[in-house]
Amino acid sequence: MMKVSRRNFLAASSASAAAMGSIAPQFSIAQSLQKVPLKSNNKVLVYIMLDGGNDSFNMLVPTSASHYAQYSSTRDNLAVPLADLLSLNGFSDSEGRSFGVHKAMPEVQSLFNNKKLSFVANVGPLVEPVDRAGMQAGTAKLPLGLLSHSDQFKHWLTGRPDERTNTGWFGRFADSVQANRQANQIPMNISLAGSNILQNGADSTHYTVNKKGSVGLAVKDKSTPANQALNNALLAGFEAMLNQSYGDDPMRAAYIAQTRESQAQHERFKAATNTVTLSSAFSDSNLSQQLKKVAESIASADQMNLQQQTYFLRYIGWDHHDGLLDKHPKMLSILSKALFEFQRALEELNVEDRVITFTGSDFGRTLTSNGNGSDHGWGGNAIVMGEPVDGGKVFGEFPSLELGNNNPLDGGDGMLIPSMPLDEMFAELAIWYGVEGSDVKTLLPNIEKFGGIEHRKVPVGFALKSSDVTVLPASAPGSATAVPTMGAAASAVTMGGLALLAKSYHRRMDVVDSEDQEIEADNR
């Protein structure tokens, strides 16, 4: 039998992609226009993306004797010493594994042991069920751009690993909930990560803020009468510009209308969040400060006339091809503190029963060492946290960490094939958030490849029980509108599409860029 290595796999994948490229258009301009209705509630999803590929098998580690020995042998010089793992109490999986987290994460250990946090094991994007034999035979249908940062990152935002699309599953929520949103109404999808696909829908986009809040026109220094006068003059001029008519100049009129909308939203967001008093302490890291602003925003949702909300954050810097044992613990520590501080703040604000926080990452990493780090992998472990979460457990199937033919999930060089598709994790979150079971396949069509919503693994169990999943009669066939592919109709961009692009850009897509240097400093 042919030995599968990561290098052989990459070469085979590239050849396969090249062969398919001429016959299979893969980039769609927009998703199906079919709506995904949501039941009205006040629930909140907070998604933290760990950019770069978290080495999550050094975050969550088996500690039972035989399983740790296997882990240590496979990971070689990357293995975390058993003495440096913090015990996760009261849980062992069906194989008798007990677990620990890296010693840099005592806050996560506390959240787990207090039933506020769980893990989802070896999850990742899958187009269809895959095993080592299928990869060896070259018959496995794989996610587009497997091992590519940009592609795998997008799959975690869209839930559609077999296509490249410009809308995400949070955006589909807003298409239904805020189908008739007024111009000064703040979108339900709020980003602390600048422009993103996750929160873009067919008809909706997101509202971008940063750790200090919304961004609008203001003069920061008003300490002197002269500066106050300058501030008043600037605002008066700004208002005069916004109130002018530009009927003879459509481009200028559209720009002014969008600026007017953005400023109105800024004033509304600022006024609402300024009413929140929060005594819980937050660390100085960029992630902690962003989550503080998320907590304040959730608490002021009523003042912004928002019920359901989503938030998207990015913590950048997890691509540890080298220096893993030095850099990775520092980032785990920042993440651990931020999660603990956020959950504590939600409890102080009495909104903890409304919020689930979860993590994603481009991909897991190879179990094998490249000498000083690990390389791009596939399946990895995610965190789910919150009062609604069934805490203190590891959900899904934690994989064998053995290398080679005896492990059907070893795709080569310890690149683990996911034992749980993203569809199942996302379906659970979507149903908790208000999507009916029968509508999940509209949001996540690939779930049918894994048995659909009635499959034994849905619900996964971290936020739902079987009795929570109601499968209603399917929507009427033909209710979706077909969308041309980029190859078939590259010019078929509607004015509405252009308006969405303008909105996305005008909402200060560079907000996140100004904070990247602070993220780099955090990681050092």
Protein backbone atom coordinates (compact mmCIF):
# COMPACT_ATOMS: atom_id res chain seq x y z
CA MET A 1 0.00 0.00 0.00
CA MET A 2 1.26 3.46 -0.93
CA LYS A 3 2.51 5.54 1.97
CA VAL A 4 0.63 8.82 2.35
CA SER A 5 2.73 11.83 3.26
CA ARG A 6 1.67 15.43 3.49
CA ARG A 7 3.88 16.24 0.49
CA ASN A 8 2.34 13.44 -1.61
CA PHE A 9 -1.11 14.55 -0.57
CA LEU A 10 -0.46 18.16 -1.56
CA ALA A 11 0.86 17.11 -4.95
CA ALA A 12 -2.13 14.86 -5.60
CA SER A 13 -4.57 17.53 -4.44
CA SER A 14 -3.00 20.14 -6.71
CA ALA A 15 -3.21 17.83 -9.71
CA SER A 16 -6.82 16.98 -8.95
CA ALA A 17 -7.75 20.63 -8.55
CA ALA A 18 -6.10 21.50 -11.85
CA ALA A 19 -7.98 18.72 -13.61
CA MET A 20 -11.31 19.82 -12.18
CA GLY A 21 -10.79 23.53 -12.66
CA SER A 22 -11.74 23.61 -16.33
CA ILE A 23 -15.02 21.76 -15.89
CA ALA A 24 -16.34 22.76 -12.47
CA PRO A 25 -17.04 26.45 -11.69
CA GLN A 26 -16.43 26.85 -7.97
CA PHE A 27 -16.91 30.53 -7.10
CA SER A 28 -20.50 31.69 -6.71
CA ILE A 29 -21.34 35.39 -6.56
CA ALA A 30 -24.02 34.87 -3.93
CA GLN A 31 -25.75 32.13 -2.04
CA SER A 32 -29.21 30.85 -2.85
CA LEU A 33 -31.69 33.61 -2.08
CA GLN A 34 -33.93 31.26 -0.09
CA LYS A 35 -34.50 32.68 3.38
CA VAL A 36 -33.53 30.87 6.59
CA PRO A 37 -36.28 31.88 9.04
CA LEU A 38 -35.45 32.25 12.74
CA LYS A 39 -37.68 32.03 15.77
CA SER A 40 -37.71 35.35 17.60
CA ASN A 41 -35.59 35.39 20.77
CA ASN A 42 -32.84 37.41 22.42
CA LYS A 43 -29.96 34.98 21.89
CA VAL A 44 -26.38 35.93 21.01
CA LEU A 45 -23.57 34.07 19.24
CA VAL A 46 -19.98 35.25 19.76
CA TYR A 47 -17.47 33.74 17.32
CA ILE A 48 -13.74 34.08 18.01
CA MET A 49 -11.57 33.06 15.05
CA LEU A 50 -8.05 31.96 15.96
CA ASP A 51 -6.31 33.05 12.77
CA GLY A 52 -3.47 30.95 11.44
CA GLY A 53 -4.29 27.44 12.62
CA ASN A 54 -4.31 26.69 16.34
CA ASP A 55 -2.25 23.66 17.39
CA SER A 56 -5.23 22.50 19.41
CA PHE A 57 -3.83 19.06 20.25
CA ASN A 58 -1.40 20.90 22.52
CA MET A 59 -4.33 22.86 23.97
CA LEU A 60 -6.46 19.81 24.83
CA VAL A 61 -4.36 16.72 25.61
CA PRO A 62 -5.28 13.19 26.76
CA THR A 63 -3.80 12.48 30.20
CA SER A 64 -4.77 8.84 30.83
CA ALA A 65 -1.59 6.77 30.84
CA SER A 66 -1.82 4.85 27.55
CA HIS A 67 -3.31 7.77 25.64
CA TYR A 68 -0.75 10.25 26.90
CA ALA A 69 2.04 7.82 25.98
CA GLN A 70 0.68 7.67 22.42
CA TYR A 71 0.42 11.48 22.30
CA SER A 72 3.96 11.93 23.60
CA SER A 73 5.42 9.44 21.13
CA THR A 74 3.65 11.02 18.16
CA ARG A 75 4.33 14.64 19.04
CA ASP A 76 7.96 13.96 19.90
CA ASN A 77 9.73 17.22 20.78
CA LEU A 78 6.43 19.18 20.60
CA ALA A 79 4.76 17.18 23.40
CA VAL A 80 3.68 19.11 26.48
CA PRO A 81 5.03 17.38 29.61
CA LEU A 82 2.34 15.63 31.63
CA ALA A 83 3.26 17.77 34.63
CA ASP A 84 2.40 20.89 32.58
CA LEU A 85 -1.20 19.82 31.97
CA LEU A 86 -4.08 21.03 34.14
CA SER A 87 -6.60 18.31 34.91
CA LEU A 88 -10.15 18.51 33.55
CA ASN A 89 -12.12 16.85 36.30
CA GLY A 90 -15.11 14.57 36.17
CA PHE A 91 -14.99 13.55 32.51
CA SER A 92 -13.66 10.66 30.50
CA ASP A 93 -14.73 9.68 26.99
CA SER A 94 -16.00 6.35 25.71
CA GLU A 95 -12.41 5.16 25.20
CA GLY A 96 -11.50 5.93 28.81
CA ARG A 97 -9.49 9.04 28.00
CA SER A 98 -9.14 11.69 30.64
CA PHE A 99 -7.97 15.14 29.57
CA GLY A 100 -6.00 18.16 30.58
CA VAL A 101 -5.41 21.62 29.17
CA HIS A 102 -2.11 23.41 28.78
CA LYS A 103 -0.89 24.99 32.01
CA ALA A 104 -1.21 28.40 30.33
CA MET A 105 -5.01 28.02 30.57
CA PRO A 106 -6.00 27.84 34.27
CA GLU A 107 -9.05 30.02 33.56
CA VAL A 108 -10.30 27.58 30.93
CA GLN A 109 -9.68 24.73 33.37
CA SER A 110 -11.85 26.56 35.92
CA LEU A 111 -14.62 27.22 33.39
CA PHE A 112 -14.60 23.54 32.33
CA ASN A 113 -14.59 22.21 35.88
CA ASN A 114 -17.45 24.60 36.76
CA LYS A 115 -19.51 23.36 33.80
CA LYS A 116 -19.36 26.64 31.85
CA LEU A 117 -17.17 25.41 28.97
CA SER A 118 -16.73 22.32 26.83
CA PHE A 119 -14.64 21.21 23.86
CA VAL A 120 -15.72 19.91 20.46
CA ALA A 121 -13.13 17.36 19.34
CA ASN A 122 -11.49 17.03 15.94
CA VAL A 123 -13.93 19.19 13.98
CA GLY A 124 -13.29 20.66 10.54
CA PRO A 125 -14.72 21.31 7.07
CA LEU A 126 -15.76 18.17 5.16
CA VAL A 127 -17.56 17.89 1.84
CA GLU A 128 -18.47 14.24 2.49
CA PRO A 129 -17.28 11.46 4.82
CA VAL A 130 -13.55 10.81 4.25
CA ASP A 131 -11.03 8.29 5.56
CA ARG A 132 -7.39 7.45 4.97
CA ALA A 133 -8.24 4.72 2.44
CA GLY A 134 -10.20 7.14 0.28
CA MET A 135 -7.35 9.62 0.34
CA GLN A 136 -4.86 6.91 -0.60
CA ALA A 137 -7.06 5.80 -3.49
CA GLY A 138 -7.57 9.40 -4.65
CA THR A 139 -11.37 9.01 -4.54
CA ALA A 140 -12.07 11.30 -1.59
CA LYS A 141 -13.89 14.55 -2.33
CA LEU A 142 -12.03 17.19 -0.33
CA PRO A 143 -12.74 20.80 0.68
CA LEU A 144 -11.56 23.38 -1.81
CA GLY A 145 -8.06 24.61 -1.04
CA LEU A 146 -7.42 22.13 1.76
CA LEU A 147 -4.40 23.27 3.85
CA SER A 148 -4.71 26.80 2.40
CA HIS A 149 -5.16 29.54 5.00
CA SER A 150 -7.48 31.68 2.89
CA ASP A 151 -9.74 28.84 1.76
CA GLN A 152 -10.02 27.02 5.08
CA PHE A 153 -10.61 30.32 6.90
CA LYS A 154 -13.52 31.03 4.54
CA HIS A 155 -14.99 27.55 5.00
CA TRP A 156 -15.20 28.27 8.73
CA LEU A 157 -17.19 31.42 7.87
CA THR A 158 -19.51 30.07 5.18
CA GLY A 159 -20.05 26.42 6.16
CA ARG A 160 -19.78 25.56 2.44
CA PRO A 161 -16.41 23.86 1.85
CA ASP A 162 -17.28 22.77 -1.68
CA GLU A 163 -17.64 26.31 -3.04
CA ARG A 164 -16.20 29.79 -2.74
CA THR A 165 -18.98 32.20 -1.86
CA ASN A 166 -19.22 35.75 -0.57
CA THR A 167 -21.94 35.21 2.03
CA GLY A 168 -21.70 33.60 5.46
CA TRP A 169 -24.08 31.79 7.76
CA PHE A 170 -24.40 34.71 10.19
CA GLY A 171 -25.28 36.91 7.22
CA ARG A 172 -28.09 34.54 6.28
CA PHE A 173 -29.58 35.10 9.75
CA ALA A 174 -29.72 38.86 9.19
CA ASP A 175 -31.34 38.41 5.77
CA SER A 176 -34.37 37.06 7.64
CA VAL A 177 -34.36 38.90 10.96
CA GLN A 178 -33.59 42.35 9.53
CA ALA A 179 -35.09 42.02 6.07
CA ASN A 180 -36.68 45.49 6.44
CA ARG A 181 -33.99 47.21 8.50
CA GLN A 182 -34.30 51.01 8.61
CA ALA A 183 -31.32 53.15 7.58
CA ASN A 184 -30.43 54.26 11.11
CA GLN A 185 -30.99 50.81 12.62
CA ILE A 186 -27.76 49.10 13.67
CA PRO A 187 -27.31 45.69 11.99
CA MET A 188 -27.69 42.66 14.24
CA ASN A 189 -24.31 41.36 13.04
CA ILE A 190 -21.54 43.34 14.73
CA SER A 191 -17.91 42.84 13.75
CA LEU A 192 -14.79 43.64 15.75
CA ALA A 193 -12.75 42.18 12.89
CA GLY A 194 -13.45 44.62 10.09
CA SER A 195 -15.05 43.48 6.85
CA ASN A 196 -15.80 39.75 6.76
CA ILE A 197 -17.74 37.13 4.82
CA LEU A 198 -19.28 35.44 7.87
CA GLN A 199 -21.70 38.30 8.56
CA ASN A 200 -22.49 39.22 4.95
CA GLY A 201 -25.82 37.98 3.65
CA ALA A 202 -27.46 38.16 0.26
CA ASP A 203 -29.16 41.41 1.31
CA SER A 204 -27.45 42.36 4.55
CA THR A 205 -24.07 43.29 5.93
CA HIS A 206 -22.52 43.94 9.32
CA TYR A 207 -21.69 46.89 11.55
CA THR A 208 -18.01 47.34 12.35
CA VAL A 209 -16.74 48.65 15.68
CA ASN A 210 -13.47 48.30 17.57
CA LYS A 211 -12.50 47.82 21.20
CA LYS A 212 -13.23 51.50 21.92
CA GLY A 213 -16.64 51.38 20.29
CA SER A 214 -18.16 52.71 17.09
CA VAL A 215 -16.33 55.10 14.80
CA GLY A 216 -17.79 58.44 13.75
CA LEU A 217 -16.93 62.09 13.35
CA ALA A 218 -15.68 63.76 16.55
CA VAL A 219 -12.87 65.90 17.89
CA LYS A 220 -11.15 64.03 20.66
CA ASP A 221 -9.72 66.98 22.56
CA LYS A 222 -12.49 69.30 23.83
CA SER A 223 -10.62 70.47 26.91
CA THR A 224 -10.34 74.12 25.89
CA PRO A 225 -12.99 76.58 24.64
CA ALA A 226 -11.12 76.87 21.35
CA ASN A 227 -11.17 73.11 20.78
CA GLN A 228 -14.83 72.93 21.75
CA ALA A 229 -15.58 75.69 19.26
CA LEU A 230 -13.65 73.79 16.59
CA ASN A 231 -15.62 70.65 17.38
CA ASN A 232 -18.92 72.51 17.08
CA ALA A 233 -17.88 74.10 13.78
CA LEU A 234 -16.83 70.74 12.32
CA LEU A 235 -20.07 69.08 13.35
CA ALA A 236 -22.11 71.97 11.96
CA GLY A 237 -20.29 71.73 8.64
CA PHE A 238 -20.74 67.98 8.61
CA GLU A 239 -24.47 68.29 9.26
CA ALA A 240 -24.80 70.90 6.51
CA MET A 241 -23.07 68.57 4.05
CA LEU A 242 -25.31 65.66 5.02
CA ASN A 243 -28.46 67.73 4.66
CA GLN A 244 -27.71 68.99 1.15
CA SER A 245 -29.44 67.53 -1.88
CA TYR A 246 -27.28 65.89 -4.53
CA GLY A 247 -30.04 64.81 -6.90
CA ASP A 248 -27.96 65.65 -9.96
CA ASP A 249 -25.01 63.54 -8.81
CA PRO A 250 -26.09 59.93 -8.03
CA MET A 251 -22.64 58.80 -6.88
CA ARG A 252 -22.27 61.67 -4.42
CA ALA A 253 -25.87 61.23 -3.26
CA ALA A 254 -25.25 57.53 -2.55
CA TYR A 255 -22.04 58.31 -0.68
CA ILE A 256 -23.69 61.01 1.44
CA ALA A 257 -26.65 58.76 2.19
CA GLN A 258 -24.31 56.04 3.40
CA THR A 259 -22.29 58.53 5.46
CA ARG A 260 -25.50 59.86 7.00
CA GLU A 261 -26.54 56.31 7.90
CA SER A 262 -23.15 55.48 9.39
CA GLN A 263 -23.07 58.61 11.54
CA ALA A 264 -26.60 57.98 12.82
CA GLN A 265 -25.67 54.42 13.74
CA HIS A 266 -22.50 55.63 15.44
CA GLU A 267 -24.42 58.07 17.62
CA ARG A 268 -26.95 55.39 18.51
CA PHE A 269 -24.32 52.76 19.37
CA LYS A 270 -22.28 55.23 21.41
CA ALA A 271 -25.28 56.47 23.39
CA ALA A 272 -26.47 52.93 24.13
CA THR A 273 -23.15 51.44 25.24
CA ASN A 274 -22.28 54.50 27.33
CA THR A 275 -25.16 53.60 29.65
CA VAL A 276 -23.54 50.30 30.68
CA THR A 277 -21.63 50.17 33.96
CA LEU A 278 -19.24 47.22 34.13
CA SER A 279 -17.06 46.59 37.18
CA SER A 280 -15.55 43.28 36.04
CA ALA A 281 -11.86 43.70 35.29
CA PHE A 282 -10.45 42.94 31.85
CA SER A 283 -6.81 42.38 30.88
CA ASP A 284 -5.05 44.83 28.58
CA SER A 285 -4.82 42.41 25.66
CA ASN A 286 -6.59 43.40 22.48
CA LEU A 287 -8.84 40.33 22.67
CA SER A 288 -9.93 41.04 26.25
CA GLN A 289 -10.67 44.67 25.46
CA GLN A 290 -12.69 43.68 22.40
CA LEU A 291 -14.73 41.22 24.47
CA LYS A 292 -15.36 43.95 27.03
CA LYS A 293 -16.96 46.03 24.28
CA VAL A 294 -18.98 42.99 23.17
CA ALA A 295 -20.30 42.55 26.73
CA GLU A 296 -21.30 46.23 26.89
CA SER A 297 -23.00 45.96 23.51
CA ILE A 298 -24.98 42.85 24.50
CA ALA A 299 -26.13 44.57 27.68
CA SER A 300 -27.35 47.60 25.72
CA ALA A 301 -29.15 45.63 22.98
CA ASP A 302 -32.58 46.89 24.06
CA GLN A 303 -31.50 50.52 23.66
CA MET A 304 -30.36 49.68 20.12
CA ASN A 305 -33.63 47.86 19.39
CA LEU A 306 -31.75 44.62 18.80
CA GLN A 307 -32.96 41.21 19.88
CA GLN A 308 -30.77 38.54 18.35
CA GLN A 309 -27.14 39.49 17.77
CA THR A 310 -23.93 37.97 16.45
CA TYR A 311 -20.37 39.12 17.06
CA PHE A 312 -17.21 38.19 15.17
CA LEU A 313 -13.66 38.63 16.48
CA ARG A 314 -10.27 37.57 15.14
CA TYR A 315 -7.25 36.73 17.26
CA ILE A 316 -4.36 36.64 14.79
CA GLY A 317 -1.00 34.85 14.97
CA TRP A 318 -1.53 31.09 15.44
CA ASP A 319 0.52 29.88 12.44
CA HIS A 320 3.34 28.34 14.47
CA HIS A 321 5.61 26.67 11.92
CA ASP A 322 8.41 27.47 14.36
CA GLY A 323 8.75 28.44 18.00
CA LEU A 324 5.59 26.54 18.91
CA LEU A 325 6.58 25.69 22.47
CA ASP A 326 7.48 29.32 23.17
CA LYS A 327 4.80 31.27 21.28
CA HIS A 328 1.77 29.01 21.59
CA PRO A 329 1.50 29.10 25.42
CA LYS A 330 1.55 32.91 25.43
CA MET A 331 -1.39 33.02 23.05
CA LEU A 332 -3.28 30.31 24.93
CA SER A 333 -2.87 32.38 28.07
CA ILE A 334 -4.34 35.49 26.43
CA LEU A 335 -7.26 33.47 25.07
CA SER A 336 -7.90 31.78 28.43
CA LYS A 337 -7.94 35.04 30.38
CA ALA A 338 -10.16 36.75 27.80
CA LEU A 339 -12.75 33.95 27.84
CA PHE A 340 -12.89 33.90 31.64
CA GLU A 341 -13.18 37.68 31.90
CA PHE A 342 -15.91 37.79 29.29
CA GLN A 343 -17.99 35.07 30.93
CA ARG A 344 -17.62 36.80 34.31
CA ALA A 345 -18.79 40.10 32.80
CA LEU A 346 -21.83 38.45 31.21
CA GLU A 347 -22.77 37.09 34.62
CA GLU A 348 -22.36 40.51 36.22
CA LEU A 349 -24.63 42.01 33.55
CA ASN A 350 -27.18 39.19 34.02
CA VAL A 351 -27.15 38.22 30.34
CA GLU A 352 -25.14 34.99 30.61
CA ASP A 353 -28.12 32.75 29.80
CA ARG A 354 -28.44 34.37 26.34
CA VAL A 355 -24.89 33.92 25.03
CA ILE A 356 -22.82 31.11 23.53
CA THR A 357 -19.19 31.88 22.70
CA PHE A 358 -17.24 29.55 20.44
CA THR A 359 -13.90 29.38 18.65
CA GLY A 360 -12.81 28.37 15.20
CA SER A 361 -9.45 28.23 13.46
CA ASP A 362 -8.31 27.83 9.85
CA PHE A 363 -7.33 24.23 10.58
CA GLY A 364 -5.68 22.02 13.14
CA ARG A 365 -2.01 21.25 12.69
CA THR A 366 0.08 18.20 11.96
CA LEU A 367 0.77 16.00 14.96
CA THR A 368 4.29 15.48 13.68
CA SER A 369 7.05 18.00 14.31
CA ASN A 370 8.85 19.89 11.57
CA GLY A 371 11.72 20.41 14.00
CA ASN A 372 10.52 23.49 15.86
CA GLY A 373 6.82 23.68 15.12
CA SER A 374 3.92 22.07 13.29
CA ASP A 375 2.53 22.49 9.78
CA HIS A 376 -0.92 22.95 8.30
CA GLY A 377 -3.32 20.16 9.21
CA TRP A 378 -7.07 19.66 9.05
CA GLY A 379 -9.17 18.60 12.04
CA GLY A 380 -8.79 20.42 15.35
CA ASN A 381 -10.47 21.05 18.71
CA ALA A 382 -12.85 23.96 19.28
CA ILE A 383 -14.15 25.63 22.45
CA VAL A 384 -17.82 26.28 23.26
CA MET A 385 -18.62 28.38 26.34
CA GLY A 386 -21.63 29.83 28.10
CA GLU A 387 -24.44 29.24 30.53
CA PRO A 388 -26.50 27.43 27.83
CA VAL A 389 -23.60 25.02 27.15
CA ASP A 390 -23.55 21.55 28.69
CA GLY A 391 -20.18 22.20 30.27
CA GLY A 392 -17.41 19.99 31.54
CA LYS A 393 -17.38 17.62 28.56
CA VAL A 394 -15.50 16.81 25.36
CA PHE A 395 -18.07 16.34 22.58
CA GLY A 396 -17.57 14.39 19.40
CA GLU A 397 -14.97 11.70 18.88
CA PHE A 398 -11.50 12.54 20.10
CA PRO A 399 -9.24 10.79 17.57
CA SER A 400 -6.48 8.29 17.99
CA LEU A 401 -3.16 10.12 17.86
CA GLU A 402 -1.36 7.14 16.39
CA LEU A 403 0.44 7.63 13.08
CA GLY A 404 0.16 5.48 9.98
CA ASN A 405 -2.15 2.84 8.55
CA ASN A 406 -3.53 1.79 11.92
CA ASN A 407 -5.25 5.18 12.23
CA PRO A 408 -7.99 5.67 9.60
CA LEU A 409 -7.99 9.39 10.37
CA ASP A 410 -4.28 9.98 9.71
CA GLY A 411 -4.26 11.71 6.35
CA GLY A 412 -0.46 11.69 6.28
CA ASP A 413 2.24 13.02 8.64
CA GLY A 414 -0.33 13.33 11.42
CA MET A 415 -2.73 15.53 9.46
CA LEU A 416 -5.93 14.38 11.14
CA ILE A 417 -9.07 13.95 9.05
CA PRO A 418 -11.97 15.53 11.01
CA SER A 419 -14.19 13.06 12.81
CA MET A 420 -16.92 15.72 12.96
CA PRO A 421 -17.92 17.95 10.03
CA LEU A 422 -18.36 21.66 10.70
CA ASP A 423 -21.95 21.19 9.55
CA GLU A 424 -22.83 19.31 12.73
CA MET A 425 -21.26 21.86 15.08
CA PHE A 426 -22.77 24.79 13.17
CA ALA A 427 -26.18 23.09 12.95
CA GLU A 428 -26.31 22.79 16.73
CA LEU A 429 -25.48 26.48 17.15
CA ALA A 430 -27.99 27.50 14.47
CA ILE A 431 -30.85 25.49 16.00
CA TRP A 432 -30.09 26.88 19.46
CA TYR A 433 -30.12 30.35 17.88
CA GLY A 434 -33.59 29.83 16.42
CA VAL A 435 -33.35 27.97 13.10
CA GLU A 436 -35.89 25.18 12.68
CA GLY A 437 -34.43 21.71 12.16
CA SER A 438 -36.01 21.43 8.72
CA ASP A 439 -34.32 24.67 7.59
CA VAL A 440 -30.79 23.66 8.57
CA LYS A 441 -30.14 22.07 5.19
CA THR A 442 -30.91 25.42 3.53
CA LEU A 443 -28.24 27.04 5.67
CA LEU A 444 -25.80 24.10 5.58
CA PRO A 445 -26.65 21.97 2.54
CA ASN A 446 -23.72 19.59 3.01
CA ILE A 447 -25.26 18.24 6.21
CA GLU A 448 -27.31 15.91 4.02
CA LYS A 449 -24.04 14.14 3.13
CA PHE A 450 -23.70 13.14 6.78
CA GLY A 451 -27.23 11.87 7.31
CA GLY A 452 -29.01 15.23 7.67
CA ILE A 453 -30.51 16.73 10.77
CA GLU A 454 -31.91 13.37 11.84
CA HIS A 455 -28.42 11.85 11.90
CA ARG A 456 -27.38 10.39 15.25
CA LYS A 457 -24.74 13.10 15.72
CA VAL A 458 -27.18 15.99 15.46
CA PRO A 459 -27.62 17.37 17.98
CA VAL A 460 -24.02 17.02 19.09
CA GLY A 461 -25.20 17.75 22.60
CA PHE A 462 -23.24 20.76 23.81
CA ALA A 463 -26.27 23.10 23.51
CA LEU A 464 -29.23 20.89 22.56
CA LYS A 465 -31.02 17.73 23.54
CA SER A 466 -32.74 15.50 21.00
CA SER A 467 -36.10 16.87 22.13
CA ASP A 468 -34.94 20.38 21.13
CA VAL A 469 -34.66 19.43 17.45
CA THR A 470 -37.94 19.58 15.57
CA VAL A 471 -37.85 18.54 11.92
CA LEU A 472 -40.75 20.33 10.22
CA PRO A 473 -41.99 19.66 6.68
CA ALA A 474 -39.43 20.82 4.14
CA SER A 475 -39.90 24.13 2.37
CA ALA A 476 -41.62 24.01 -1.00
CA PRO A 477 -39.28 22.93 -3.78
CA GLY A 478 -38.19 25.54 -6.25
CA SER A 479 -38.38 28.41 -3.76
CA ALA A 480 -34.68 29.15 -4.13
CA THR A 481 -33.41 31.37 -6.89
CA ALA A 482 -30.48 30.11 -8.91
CA VAL A 483 -27.39 32.33 -8.91
CA PRO A 484 -24.89 32.43 -11.78
CA THR A 485 -21.31 31.40 -11.14
CA MET A 486 -18.39 33.74 -11.63
CA GLY A 487 -17.27 31.80 -14.68
CA ALA A 488 -20.71 31.88 -16.28
CA ALA A 489 -21.62 35.47 -15.65
CA ALA A 490 -18.82 37.53 -14.19
CA SER A 491 -20.57 40.71 -15.27
CA ALA A 492 -23.87 39.89 -13.56
CA VAL A 493 -23.27 42.17 -10.58
CA THR A 494 -26.45 43.98 -9.57
CA MET A 495 -26.71 47.52 -8.25
CA GLY A 496 -27.75 45.94 -4.97
CA GLY A 497 -24.49 43.99 -4.96
CA LEU A 498 -22.52 47.16 -5.59
CA ALA A 499 -24.37 48.87 -2.76
CA LEU A 500 -23.45 46.04 -0.40
CA LEU A 501 -19.82 46.34 -1.43
CA ALA A 502 -19.93 50.08 -0.82
CA LYS A 503 -21.52 49.53 2.59
CA SER A 504 -18.95 46.95 3.56
CA TYR A 505 -16.12 49.25 2.58
CA HIS A 506 -17.65 52.37 4.07
CA ARG A 507 -18.10 50.66 7.42
CA ARG A 508 -14.47 51.28 8.05
CA MET A 509 -13.09 47.96 6.85
CA ASP A 510 -9.69 49.08 8.07
CA VAL A 511 -10.79 49.29 11.71
CA VAL A 512 -9.15 45.93 12.41
CA ASP A 513 -5.93 46.95 10.67
CA SER A 514 -5.23 49.67 13.20
CA GLU A 515 -5.24 47.03 15.94
CA ASP A 516 -3.01 44.43 14.26
CA GLN A 517 0.15 45.95 15.73
CA GLU A 518 -1.36 45.63 19.20
CA ILE A 519 -2.13 41.96 18.50
CA GLU A 520 1.48 41.39 17.51
CA ALA A 521 2.57 43.01 20.78
CA ASP A 522 0.15 40.82 22.75
CA ASN A 523 1.63 37.68 21.25
CA ARG A 524 5.18 38.67 22.13
